[in-house]
N, C-alpha and C. Protein backbone atom coordinates (compact mmCIF):
# COMPACT_ATOMS: atom_id res chain seq x y z
N UNK A 1 5.56 17.53 49.54
CA UNK A 1 5.87 18.37 50.59
C UNK A 1 7.43 18.28 50.96
N UNK A 2 8.38 19.26 51.04
CA UNK A 2 9.65 19.10 51.48
C UNK A 2 9.69 18.69 53.07
N UNK A 3 10.91 18.59 53.44
CA UNK A 3 11.20 18.25 54.81
C UNK A 3 10.85 19.54 55.54
N UNK A 4 9.84 19.28 56.55
CA UNK A 4 9.39 20.59 57.18
C UNK A 4 9.67 20.57 58.72
N UNK A 5 10.10 19.45 59.11
CA UNK A 5 10.42 19.19 60.78
C UNK A 5 11.55 18.32 60.97
N UNK A 6 12.31 18.47 61.83
CA UNK A 6 13.33 17.71 62.26
C UNK A 6 13.08 17.13 63.56
N UNK A 7 13.25 15.65 63.72
CA UNK A 7 13.43 15.29 64.96
C UNK A 7 14.13 13.79 64.90
N UNK A 8 15.12 13.86 65.90
CA UNK A 8 16.06 12.69 65.74
C UNK A 8 15.27 11.37 66.24
N UNK A 9 15.64 10.44 65.68
CA UNK A 9 15.05 9.02 65.89
C UNK A 9 16.05 8.03 65.95
N UNK A 10 16.31 7.40 67.08
CA UNK A 10 17.07 6.47 67.27
C UNK A 10 16.55 4.96 67.03
N UNK A 11 17.18 4.19 66.06
CA UNK A 11 16.81 2.93 65.77
C UNK A 11 17.86 2.15 66.35
N UNK A 12 17.49 1.36 67.45
CA UNK A 12 18.81 0.57 67.99
C UNK A 12 18.42 -0.83 68.26
N UNK A 13 19.42 -1.79 68.34
CA UNK A 13 19.05 -3.16 68.56
C UNK A 13 19.28 -3.40 70.20
N UNK A 14 18.29 -4.10 70.62
CA UNK A 14 18.41 -4.38 72.12
C UNK A 14 18.56 -5.94 72.33
N UNK A 15 19.40 -6.56 72.98
CA UNK A 15 19.46 -7.99 73.14
C UNK A 15 18.65 -8.42 74.46
N UNK A 16 17.90 -9.37 74.47
CA UNK A 16 17.29 -9.91 75.66
C UNK A 16 18.29 -10.87 76.27
N UNK A 17 19.32 -10.20 76.87
CA UNK A 17 20.50 -10.97 77.38
C UNK A 17 20.62 -10.54 78.83
N UNK A 18 19.62 -10.18 79.56
CA UNK A 18 20.02 -9.72 80.79
C UNK A 18 20.09 -10.84 81.85
N UNK A 19 20.93 -10.68 82.86
CA UNK A 19 21.17 -11.50 83.99
C UNK A 19 21.86 -12.88 83.50
N UNK A 20 22.52 -12.61 82.43
CA UNK A 20 23.30 -13.71 81.96
C UNK A 20 24.69 -13.95 82.71
N UNK A 21 24.97 -14.93 83.42
CA UNK A 21 26.05 -14.98 84.38
C UNK A 21 27.41 -15.02 83.46
N UNK A 22 28.42 -14.58 84.07
CA UNK A 22 29.75 -14.50 83.46
C UNK A 22 30.01 -16.05 83.06
N UNK A 23 30.48 -15.96 81.71
CA UNK A 23 30.87 -17.47 81.18
C UNK A 23 29.61 -18.11 80.95
N UNK A 24 28.48 -17.49 80.82
CA UNK A 24 27.19 -18.05 80.56
C UNK A 24 27.07 -18.66 79.12
N UNK A 25 27.94 -18.01 78.26
CA UNK A 25 27.93 -18.28 76.75
C UNK A 25 29.23 -19.23 76.40
N UNK A 26 28.66 -20.31 75.85
CA UNK A 26 29.71 -21.37 75.49
C UNK A 26 30.72 -20.74 74.42
N UNK A 27 31.76 -21.30 74.09
CA UNK A 27 32.60 -20.91 73.18
C UNK A 27 31.99 -20.89 71.55
N UNK A 28 31.10 -21.85 71.49
CA UNK A 28 30.60 -22.14 70.08
C UNK A 28 29.40 -21.13 69.95
N UNK A 29 28.93 -20.27 70.85
CA UNK A 29 27.95 -19.38 70.49
C UNK A 29 28.36 -18.42 69.25
N UNK A 30 27.46 -18.26 68.31
CA UNK A 30 26.01 -18.79 68.21
C UNK A 30 25.95 -20.30 67.63
N UNK A 31 25.20 -21.22 68.09
CA UNK A 31 25.22 -22.43 67.53
C UNK A 31 23.94 -22.82 67.03
N UNK A 32 23.02 -21.97 67.04
CA UNK A 32 21.79 -22.11 66.25
C UNK A 32 21.14 -20.58 65.89
N UNK A 33 20.04 -20.58 65.15
CA UNK A 33 19.56 -19.34 64.52
C UNK A 33 19.20 -18.42 65.59
N UNK A 34 19.14 -17.14 65.17
CA UNK A 34 18.90 -15.97 66.01
C UNK A 34 17.43 -15.29 65.49
N UNK A 35 16.62 -15.07 66.34
CA UNK A 35 15.22 -14.47 66.16
C UNK A 35 15.31 -12.89 66.33
N UNK A 36 15.23 -12.19 65.42
CA UNK A 36 15.10 -10.72 65.31
C UNK A 36 13.70 -10.42 65.55
N UNK A 37 13.39 -9.75 66.74
CA UNK A 37 11.95 -9.44 67.01
C UNK A 37 11.69 -7.92 66.77
N UNK A 38 10.78 -7.75 65.85
CA UNK A 38 10.57 -6.31 65.28
C UNK A 38 9.05 -6.08 65.98
N UNK A 39 8.99 -5.27 66.87
CA UNK A 39 7.57 -4.95 67.60
C UNK A 39 6.64 -4.09 66.88
N UNK A 40 6.79 -3.94 65.18
CA UNK A 40 5.76 -3.31 64.63
C UNK A 40 5.58 -4.23 63.45
N UNK A 41 4.40 -3.71 62.63
CA UNK A 41 4.05 -4.53 61.62
C UNK A 41 4.98 -4.40 60.41
N UNK A 42 4.74 -5.46 59.35
CA UNK A 42 5.55 -5.33 58.22
C UNK A 42 5.27 -4.21 57.45
N UNK A 43 6.35 -3.64 56.75
CA UNK A 43 6.20 -2.57 55.70
C UNK A 43 6.61 -1.25 56.51
N UNK A 44 6.65 -0.98 57.70
CA UNK A 44 6.82 0.27 58.35
C UNK A 44 8.43 0.38 58.37
N UNK A 45 8.76 1.61 58.77
CA UNK A 45 10.12 2.10 58.75
C UNK A 45 11.07 1.06 59.61
N UNK A 46 10.68 0.59 60.76
CA UNK A 46 11.47 -0.27 61.65
C UNK A 46 11.65 -1.67 60.96
N UNK A 47 10.50 -2.03 60.38
CA UNK A 47 10.68 -3.45 59.74
C UNK A 47 11.48 -3.32 58.37
N UNK A 48 11.35 -2.36 57.63
CA UNK A 48 12.15 -2.24 56.59
C UNK A 48 13.80 -2.19 56.88
N UNK A 49 13.97 -1.39 57.98
CA UNK A 49 15.46 -1.29 58.39
C UNK A 49 15.88 -2.67 58.81
N UNK A 50 15.03 -3.39 59.56
CA UNK A 50 15.47 -4.78 60.08
C UNK A 50 15.70 -5.77 58.96
N UNK A 51 15.01 -5.67 57.77
CA UNK A 51 14.99 -6.51 56.56
C UNK A 51 16.21 -6.17 55.89
N UNK A 52 16.70 -4.88 55.93
CA UNK A 52 17.91 -4.48 55.27
C UNK A 52 19.04 -5.01 56.13
N UNK A 53 19.01 -5.04 57.50
CA UNK A 53 20.11 -5.35 58.38
C UNK A 53 20.24 -6.79 58.43
N UNK A 54 19.17 -7.50 58.53
CA UNK A 54 19.14 -9.03 58.83
C UNK A 54 20.27 -9.78 57.98
N UNK A 55 20.18 -9.59 56.61
CA UNK A 55 21.24 -10.30 55.92
C UNK A 55 22.55 -10.23 56.37
N UNK A 56 22.92 -8.85 56.79
CA UNK A 56 24.39 -8.48 57.18
C UNK A 56 24.53 -9.12 58.47
N UNK A 57 23.61 -9.05 59.46
CA UNK A 57 23.66 -9.67 60.65
C UNK A 57 24.02 -11.21 60.58
N UNK A 58 23.11 -11.86 59.63
CA UNK A 58 23.28 -13.19 59.62
C UNK A 58 24.65 -13.74 58.95
N UNK A 59 25.09 -12.99 58.01
CA UNK A 59 26.43 -13.03 57.30
C UNK A 59 27.68 -12.93 58.45
N UNK A 60 27.37 -11.96 59.26
CA UNK A 60 28.43 -11.67 60.44
C UNK A 60 28.45 -12.97 61.63
N UNK A 61 27.16 -13.28 61.92
CA UNK A 61 27.12 -14.24 63.14
C UNK A 61 27.25 -15.62 62.55
N UNK A 62 27.03 -15.91 61.21
CA UNK A 62 27.16 -17.20 60.61
C UNK A 62 26.24 -18.37 60.83
N UNK A 63 24.83 -17.71 61.43
CA UNK A 63 23.83 -18.61 61.59
C UNK A 63 22.58 -17.87 61.03
N UNK A 64 21.56 -18.56 60.70
CA UNK A 64 20.33 -18.02 60.15
C UNK A 64 19.77 -17.06 61.05
N UNK A 65 19.18 -15.94 60.57
CA UNK A 65 18.53 -14.94 61.37
C UNK A 65 17.13 -14.78 60.85
N UNK A 66 16.18 -14.99 61.79
CA UNK A 66 14.70 -14.92 61.26
C UNK A 66 14.02 -13.77 62.00
N UNK A 67 13.33 -12.80 61.02
CA UNK A 67 12.54 -11.83 61.59
C UNK A 67 11.18 -12.27 61.99
N UNK A 68 10.83 -11.65 63.18
CA UNK A 68 9.44 -11.95 63.77
C UNK A 68 8.76 -10.65 63.94
N UNK A 69 7.80 -10.46 63.39
CA UNK A 69 7.12 -9.21 63.67
C UNK A 69 6.00 -9.51 64.84
N UNK A 70 6.05 -8.67 65.78
CA UNK A 70 5.05 -8.92 66.97
C UNK A 70 4.61 -7.41 67.09
N UNK A 71 3.55 -7.02 66.32
CA UNK A 71 3.13 -5.53 66.43
C UNK A 71 1.99 -5.61 67.39
N UNK A 72 1.78 -4.17 68.01
CA UNK A 72 0.66 -4.01 68.71
C UNK A 72 0.91 -3.25 70.04
N UNK A 73 0.08 -2.53 70.47
CA UNK A 73 0.23 -1.75 71.65
C UNK A 73 1.50 -0.71 71.75
N UNK A 74 1.62 -0.04 70.59
CA UNK A 74 2.84 0.85 70.40
C UNK A 74 4.05 0.21 70.56
N UNK A 75 4.12 -1.06 70.17
CA UNK A 75 5.32 -1.61 70.26
C UNK A 75 5.64 -2.66 71.54
N UNK A 76 4.60 -2.38 72.40
CA UNK A 76 4.91 -3.06 73.74
C UNK A 76 4.78 -4.62 73.65
N UNK A 77 3.88 -4.92 72.84
CA UNK A 77 3.60 -6.43 72.85
C UNK A 77 4.91 -7.19 72.30
N UNK A 78 5.56 -6.67 71.25
CA UNK A 78 6.82 -7.47 70.81
C UNK A 78 7.89 -7.23 71.85
N UNK A 79 8.06 -5.89 72.26
CA UNK A 79 9.05 -5.85 73.49
C UNK A 79 9.06 -6.70 74.57
N UNK A 80 7.65 -6.77 75.08
CA UNK A 80 7.51 -7.85 76.05
C UNK A 80 7.84 -9.28 75.68
N UNK A 81 7.45 -9.52 74.54
CA UNK A 81 7.60 -10.98 73.95
C UNK A 81 9.18 -11.18 74.16
N UNK A 82 9.90 -10.10 73.55
CA UNK A 82 11.47 -10.46 73.55
C UNK A 82 12.05 -10.47 75.10
N UNK A 83 11.39 -9.61 75.82
CA UNK A 83 11.98 -9.58 77.39
C UNK A 83 11.73 -10.94 78.01
N UNK A 84 10.54 -11.53 77.64
CA UNK A 84 10.22 -12.71 78.31
C UNK A 84 11.03 -13.91 77.77
N UNK A 85 11.75 -13.84 76.59
CA UNK A 85 12.45 -15.00 76.16
C UNK A 85 13.50 -15.35 76.85
N UNK A 86 14.07 -16.49 76.93
CA UNK A 86 15.28 -17.00 77.67
C UNK A 86 16.52 -15.80 77.25
N UNK A 87 17.16 -15.60 78.35
CA UNK A 87 18.28 -14.66 78.20
C UNK A 87 19.67 -15.47 77.69
N UNK A 88 19.49 -15.99 76.57
CA UNK A 88 20.50 -16.80 76.05
C UNK A 88 21.39 -16.18 74.76
N UNK A 89 20.90 -14.91 74.48
CA UNK A 89 21.46 -14.24 73.29
C UNK A 89 20.83 -14.65 71.95
N UNK A 90 19.93 -15.58 71.87
CA UNK A 90 19.27 -15.98 70.72
C UNK A 90 17.94 -15.09 70.35
N UNK A 91 17.66 -14.34 71.06
CA UNK A 91 16.41 -13.38 70.81
C UNK A 91 16.94 -11.86 70.83
N UNK A 92 16.96 -11.21 69.83
CA UNK A 92 17.34 -9.87 69.71
C UNK A 92 16.09 -8.91 69.24
N UNK A 93 15.83 -7.85 70.18
CA UNK A 93 14.77 -6.99 69.68
C UNK A 93 15.35 -5.88 68.95
N UNK A 94 14.71 -5.62 67.77
CA UNK A 94 14.95 -4.62 66.94
C UNK A 94 14.14 -3.59 67.01
N UNK A 95 14.29 -2.38 67.60
CA UNK A 95 13.41 -1.37 67.93
C UNK A 95 13.79 0.02 67.78
N UNK A 96 12.94 0.87 67.58
CA UNK A 96 13.25 2.42 67.64
C UNK A 96 13.19 2.78 68.98
N UNK A 97 12.98 4.08 69.22
CA UNK A 97 13.03 4.65 70.49
C UNK A 97 11.86 4.49 71.47
N UNK A 98 10.88 3.90 70.93
CA UNK A 98 9.80 3.83 71.68
C UNK A 98 9.69 3.24 73.07
N UNK A 99 10.47 2.06 73.48
CA UNK A 99 10.65 1.75 74.86
C UNK A 99 10.85 2.78 75.85
N UNK A 100 11.46 3.88 75.30
CA UNK A 100 11.91 4.86 76.23
C UNK A 100 10.64 5.70 76.68
N UNK A 101 9.49 5.66 76.07
CA UNK A 101 8.44 6.17 76.51
C UNK A 101 7.27 5.43 77.08
N UNK A 102 7.51 4.02 77.11
CA UNK A 102 6.50 2.98 77.48
C UNK A 102 5.76 3.53 78.74
N UNK A 103 6.54 3.74 79.91
CA UNK A 103 6.02 4.07 81.18
C UNK A 103 5.15 5.47 81.00
N UNK A 104 5.77 6.28 80.42
CA UNK A 104 5.19 7.68 80.33
C UNK A 104 3.68 7.55 79.55
N UNK A 105 3.61 6.73 78.60
CA UNK A 105 2.47 6.64 77.92
C UNK A 105 1.46 5.41 78.52
N UNK A 106 2.08 4.77 79.62
CA UNK A 106 1.34 3.70 80.29
C UNK A 106 0.97 2.57 79.45
N UNK A 107 1.78 2.21 78.60
CA UNK A 107 1.38 0.98 77.72
C UNK A 107 2.30 -0.17 78.08
N UNK A 108 3.35 -0.13 79.00
CA UNK A 108 3.95 -1.21 79.34
C UNK A 108 4.77 -0.80 80.64
N UNK A 109 5.19 -1.73 81.53
CA UNK A 109 5.84 -1.36 82.64
C UNK A 109 7.43 -1.62 82.34
N UNK A 110 7.88 -2.00 81.05
CA UNK A 110 9.15 -2.05 80.78
C UNK A 110 9.66 -0.66 80.30
N UNK A 111 11.00 -0.55 80.39
CA UNK A 111 11.61 0.95 79.82
C UNK A 111 12.83 0.47 78.98
N UNK A 112 13.43 1.48 78.67
CA UNK A 112 14.91 1.39 77.84
C UNK A 112 15.78 0.65 78.77
N UNK A 113 15.72 1.00 80.13
CA UNK A 113 16.54 0.40 81.08
C UNK A 113 16.51 -0.99 81.43
N UNK A 114 15.37 -1.72 81.03
CA UNK A 114 15.36 -3.15 81.07
C UNK A 114 16.15 -3.90 80.00
N UNK A 115 16.72 -3.31 79.24
CA UNK A 115 17.27 -3.93 78.04
C UNK A 115 18.85 -3.33 77.91
N UNK A 116 19.81 -4.23 77.34
CA UNK A 116 21.02 -3.93 77.19
C UNK A 116 21.37 -3.35 75.71
N UNK A 117 21.46 -2.31 75.23
CA UNK A 117 21.62 -1.91 73.88
C UNK A 117 23.02 -2.43 73.31
N UNK A 118 23.12 -2.85 72.30
CA UNK A 118 24.21 -3.42 71.64
C UNK A 118 24.68 -2.68 70.32
N UNK A 119 23.91 -1.85 69.72
CA UNK A 119 24.09 -1.22 68.51
C UNK A 119 23.17 0.02 68.28
N UNK A 120 23.69 1.05 67.92
CA UNK A 120 22.91 2.21 67.18
C UNK A 120 23.12 2.11 65.69
N UNK A 121 21.87 1.64 65.24
CA UNK A 121 22.06 1.30 63.85
C UNK A 121 21.87 2.72 62.93
N UNK A 122 20.94 3.49 63.28
CA UNK A 122 20.69 4.82 62.39
C UNK A 122 20.03 5.93 63.19
N UNK A 123 20.29 7.03 62.48
CA UNK A 123 19.59 8.26 63.11
C UNK A 123 18.85 8.93 61.84
N UNK A 124 17.70 9.10 62.14
CA UNK A 124 16.81 9.78 60.91
C UNK A 124 16.19 10.98 61.26
N UNK A 125 15.69 11.71 60.29
CA UNK A 125 14.98 12.99 60.35
C UNK A 125 13.55 12.70 60.34
N UNK A 126 12.81 13.52 60.85
CA UNK A 126 11.22 13.49 60.79
C UNK A 126 10.81 14.26 59.62
N UNK A 127 9.67 14.05 59.06
CA UNK A 127 9.02 14.76 57.95
C UNK A 127 7.55 14.81 58.21
N UNK A 128 6.89 15.62 57.62
CA UNK A 128 5.38 15.61 57.48
C UNK A 128 5.20 15.07 56.20
N UNK A 129 4.25 14.21 56.02
CA UNK A 129 3.78 13.58 54.76
C UNK A 129 2.39 13.83 54.43
N UNK A 130 2.12 14.09 53.29
CA UNK A 130 0.68 14.25 52.89
C UNK A 130 0.50 13.43 51.56
N UNK A 131 -0.67 13.29 51.12
CA UNK A 131 -0.92 12.64 49.88
C UNK A 131 -0.45 13.45 48.74
N UNK A 132 -0.18 12.92 47.45
CA UNK A 132 0.12 13.56 46.32
C UNK A 132 -0.85 14.73 45.98
N UNK A 133 -2.09 14.26 46.07
CA UNK A 133 -3.19 15.05 45.62
C UNK A 133 -3.76 16.22 46.80
N UNK A 134 -3.04 16.17 47.91
CA UNK A 134 -3.32 17.00 48.90
C UNK A 134 -3.16 18.47 48.71
N UNK A 135 -3.95 19.42 49.18
CA UNK A 135 -3.96 20.70 49.02
C UNK A 135 -2.84 21.49 49.48
N UNK A 136 -2.20 20.65 50.65
CA UNK A 136 -1.11 21.17 51.38
C UNK A 136 0.31 20.99 50.56
N UNK A 137 0.77 22.18 50.13
CA UNK A 137 2.04 22.06 49.32
C UNK A 137 3.19 22.55 50.36
N UNK A 138 2.95 23.30 51.40
CA UNK A 138 3.93 23.75 52.33
C UNK A 138 3.40 23.57 53.73
N UNK A 139 4.45 23.52 54.70
CA UNK A 139 3.88 23.66 56.19
C UNK A 139 3.02 24.69 56.46
N UNK A 140 3.24 25.89 55.87
CA UNK A 140 2.36 26.88 56.13
C UNK A 140 0.94 26.75 55.74
N UNK A 141 0.76 26.00 54.69
CA UNK A 141 -0.61 25.65 53.96
C UNK A 141 -1.29 24.79 55.24
N UNK A 142 -0.59 23.73 55.53
CA UNK A 142 -1.25 22.73 56.67
C UNK A 142 -1.37 23.50 57.96
N UNK A 143 -0.55 24.36 58.40
CA UNK A 143 -0.76 24.93 59.57
C UNK A 143 -1.90 25.99 59.57
N UNK A 144 -2.00 26.64 58.49
CA UNK A 144 -3.09 27.78 58.37
C UNK A 144 -4.57 27.15 58.31
N UNK A 145 -4.56 25.93 57.65
CA UNK A 145 -5.92 25.25 57.65
C UNK A 145 -6.05 24.68 58.95
N UNK A 146 -5.14 24.08 59.82
CA UNK A 146 -5.53 23.58 61.16
C UNK A 146 -6.03 24.75 62.13
N UNK A 147 -5.52 26.05 61.82
CA UNK A 147 -5.93 27.22 62.65
C UNK A 147 -7.22 27.52 62.06
N UNK A 148 -7.59 27.44 60.91
CA UNK A 148 -8.82 27.93 60.24
C UNK A 148 -10.04 26.87 60.70
N UNK A 149 -9.71 25.66 60.96
CA UNK A 149 -10.63 24.46 61.17
C UNK A 149 -10.19 23.84 62.33
N UNK A 150 -10.17 24.31 63.51
CA UNK A 150 -9.69 23.69 64.86
C UNK A 150 -10.29 22.31 65.00
N UNK A 151 -9.54 21.33 65.18
CA UNK A 151 -9.99 19.94 65.33
C UNK A 151 -10.51 19.00 64.32
N UNK A 152 -10.48 19.85 63.05
CA UNK A 152 -11.07 19.07 61.94
C UNK A 152 -9.88 18.32 61.00
N UNK A 153 -8.60 18.97 61.04
CA UNK A 153 -7.64 18.31 60.24
C UNK A 153 -7.14 17.09 60.98
N UNK A 154 -7.05 15.91 60.23
CA UNK A 154 -6.68 14.67 60.85
C UNK A 154 -5.29 14.20 60.67
N UNK A 155 -4.65 13.87 61.66
CA UNK A 155 -3.29 13.35 61.76
C UNK A 155 -3.22 11.83 62.22
N UNK A 156 -2.37 11.16 61.46
CA UNK A 156 -2.14 9.69 61.72
C UNK A 156 -0.84 9.40 62.35
N UNK A 157 -0.69 8.46 63.12
CA UNK A 157 0.53 8.16 63.75
C UNK A 157 0.55 6.63 64.15
N UNK A 158 1.88 6.14 64.21
CA UNK A 158 1.96 4.51 64.41
C UNK A 158 1.43 4.16 65.69
N UNK A 159 1.61 4.77 66.78
CA UNK A 159 1.25 4.35 68.12
C UNK A 159 1.66 5.33 69.11
N UNK A 160 1.05 4.89 70.27
CA UNK A 160 1.27 6.09 71.52
C UNK A 160 2.84 5.95 71.83
N UNK A 161 3.54 7.09 71.89
CA UNK A 161 4.85 7.12 72.27
C UNK A 161 5.97 6.87 71.27
N UNK A 162 5.38 6.45 69.96
CA UNK A 162 6.25 6.47 68.80
C UNK A 162 6.85 7.95 68.46
N UNK A 163 7.82 7.74 67.55
CA UNK A 163 8.47 9.19 67.24
C UNK A 163 7.39 9.99 66.64
N UNK A 164 6.50 9.56 65.65
CA UNK A 164 5.59 10.22 64.84
C UNK A 164 4.59 10.70 66.02
N UNK A 165 4.21 10.03 66.83
CA UNK A 165 3.19 10.50 67.98
C UNK A 165 3.86 11.75 68.59
N UNK A 166 4.97 11.67 68.94
CA UNK A 166 5.73 12.65 69.78
C UNK A 166 5.83 13.91 68.86
N UNK A 167 6.24 13.78 67.46
CA UNK A 167 6.14 14.76 66.50
C UNK A 167 4.81 15.62 66.58
N UNK A 168 3.72 14.97 66.57
CA UNK A 168 2.44 15.42 66.47
C UNK A 168 2.15 16.26 67.84
N UNK A 169 2.62 15.68 68.92
CA UNK A 169 2.39 16.17 70.18
C UNK A 169 3.24 17.59 70.11
N UNK A 170 4.46 17.58 69.66
CA UNK A 170 5.25 18.70 69.52
C UNK A 170 4.57 19.95 68.83
N UNK A 171 4.15 19.32 67.67
CA UNK A 171 3.37 20.33 66.80
C UNK A 171 2.30 21.07 67.53
N UNK A 172 1.44 20.20 68.17
CA UNK A 172 0.33 20.90 69.12
C UNK A 172 0.80 21.74 69.91
N UNK A 173 1.83 21.52 70.75
CA UNK A 173 2.38 22.45 71.95
C UNK A 173 2.95 23.56 71.36
N UNK A 174 4.03 23.42 70.46
CA UNK A 174 4.86 24.44 70.06
C UNK A 174 3.86 25.56 69.22
N UNK A 175 3.23 24.73 68.42
CA UNK A 175 2.33 25.77 67.56
C UNK A 175 0.93 26.21 68.01
N UNK A 176 0.77 25.69 69.25
CA UNK A 176 -0.59 25.96 69.78
C UNK A 176 -1.86 25.44 68.82
N UNK A 177 -1.73 24.21 68.24
CA UNK A 177 -2.60 23.79 67.28
C UNK A 177 -3.47 22.78 67.78
N UNK A 178 -4.68 22.68 67.09
CA UNK A 178 -5.65 21.83 67.58
C UNK A 178 -6.12 20.91 66.21
N UNK A 179 -5.66 19.66 66.27
CA UNK A 179 -6.00 18.77 65.24
C UNK A 179 -6.28 17.44 65.80
N UNK A 180 -7.15 16.49 65.19
CA UNK A 180 -7.48 15.26 65.63
C UNK A 180 -6.37 14.25 65.35
N UNK A 181 -6.18 13.26 66.10
CA UNK A 181 -5.00 12.33 65.86
C UNK A 181 -5.57 10.81 66.24
N UNK A 182 -5.08 9.88 65.31
CA UNK A 182 -5.47 8.53 65.50
C UNK A 182 -4.31 7.62 65.15
N UNK A 183 -4.17 6.72 66.05
CA UNK A 183 -3.30 5.72 66.00
C UNK A 183 -3.63 4.66 64.98
N UNK A 184 -2.63 4.11 64.06
CA UNK A 184 -2.95 2.95 63.17
C UNK A 184 -2.22 1.86 63.20
N UNK A 185 -1.40 1.72 64.29
CA UNK A 185 -0.76 0.29 64.70
C UNK A 185 0.45 0.07 63.67
N UNK A 186 1.14 1.22 63.36
CA UNK A 186 2.24 1.00 62.46
C UNK A 186 2.52 2.14 61.63
N UNK A 187 3.63 2.50 61.33
CA UNK A 187 3.93 3.52 60.32
C UNK A 187 3.40 3.43 58.84
N UNK A 188 3.54 1.99 58.50
CA UNK A 188 3.00 1.66 57.16
C UNK A 188 1.60 1.95 57.13
N UNK A 189 0.86 1.50 58.23
CA UNK A 189 -0.62 1.73 58.12
C UNK A 189 -0.98 3.18 58.20
N UNK A 190 -0.25 3.99 58.86
CA UNK A 190 -0.55 5.45 58.90
C UNK A 190 -0.37 6.05 57.50
N UNK A 191 0.75 5.73 56.84
CA UNK A 191 0.92 6.18 55.51
C UNK A 191 -0.19 5.67 54.53
N UNK A 192 -0.52 4.49 54.65
CA UNK A 192 -1.68 4.02 53.92
C UNK A 192 -3.09 4.83 54.07
N UNK A 193 -3.07 5.25 55.34
CA UNK A 193 -4.43 6.00 55.78
C UNK A 193 -4.38 7.47 55.15
N UNK A 194 -3.26 7.93 54.93
CA UNK A 194 -2.91 9.23 54.21
C UNK A 194 -3.29 9.18 52.93
N UNK A 195 -2.63 8.08 52.17
CA UNK A 195 -2.78 7.77 50.80
C UNK A 195 -4.25 7.61 50.37
N UNK A 196 -4.91 6.96 51.26
CA UNK A 196 -6.32 6.60 51.13
C UNK A 196 -7.32 7.70 51.57
N UNK A 197 -6.93 8.75 52.04
CA UNK A 197 -7.79 9.71 52.26
C UNK A 197 -8.47 9.80 53.53
N UNK A 198 -8.35 8.77 54.51
CA UNK A 198 -8.73 8.67 55.86
C UNK A 198 -8.26 9.80 56.78
N UNK A 199 -7.17 10.22 56.58
CA UNK A 199 -6.46 11.30 57.31
C UNK A 199 -5.82 12.13 56.50
N UNK A 200 -5.46 13.39 57.06
CA UNK A 200 -4.71 14.39 55.95
C UNK A 200 -3.21 14.37 56.21
N UNK A 201 -2.62 14.04 57.20
CA UNK A 201 -1.21 14.03 57.22
C UNK A 201 -0.58 13.02 58.23
N UNK A 202 0.55 12.75 58.20
CA UNK A 202 1.34 11.87 59.18
C UNK A 202 2.73 12.26 59.27
N UNK A 203 3.49 11.68 60.23
CA UNK A 203 4.92 11.87 60.39
C UNK A 203 5.61 10.70 60.37
N UNK A 204 5.96 9.83 59.39
CA UNK A 204 6.63 8.57 59.36
C UNK A 204 7.98 8.63 59.95
């Protein structure tokens, strides 16, 4: 299926460096390894982006950079972990736009405003993905089946408030569509569910 829907996705890096007093960093910073916290499981879009970025970040900083996956609760577990670490610049949260919707989705009290963005890494387009053997070859095929079988077509998304989840909600609202939706704890898991026939489509 070709690209059928566009939705901007911000992938940004957020440092857990709040409340650091002026002059709080010594001239020798960084003097030890940096942990890059990814609040999603291995193999997902954000994790892949982090693994591409980490070697470049390591080369620039001159110290080891270790990726730590802390998935769960739509990214809230990893985000809260990074927030709870010492504000010394050695823990960096590598996240998509999800923290902006934490409070709306009631998965965490944290929000985008609790962190200090230090880089906008990329901007991507959203797609609708189906399995190779799916009967849906166009968006019209998918929409027509959803309307013919309300509540029967199955949608997978990574977690509440994630871009794919928002994509599904927009489809429901704008298209007046009724389909079931299930979170799978990560974009990679959602894609595997589509390929395995557990669900009909996703928006990675």
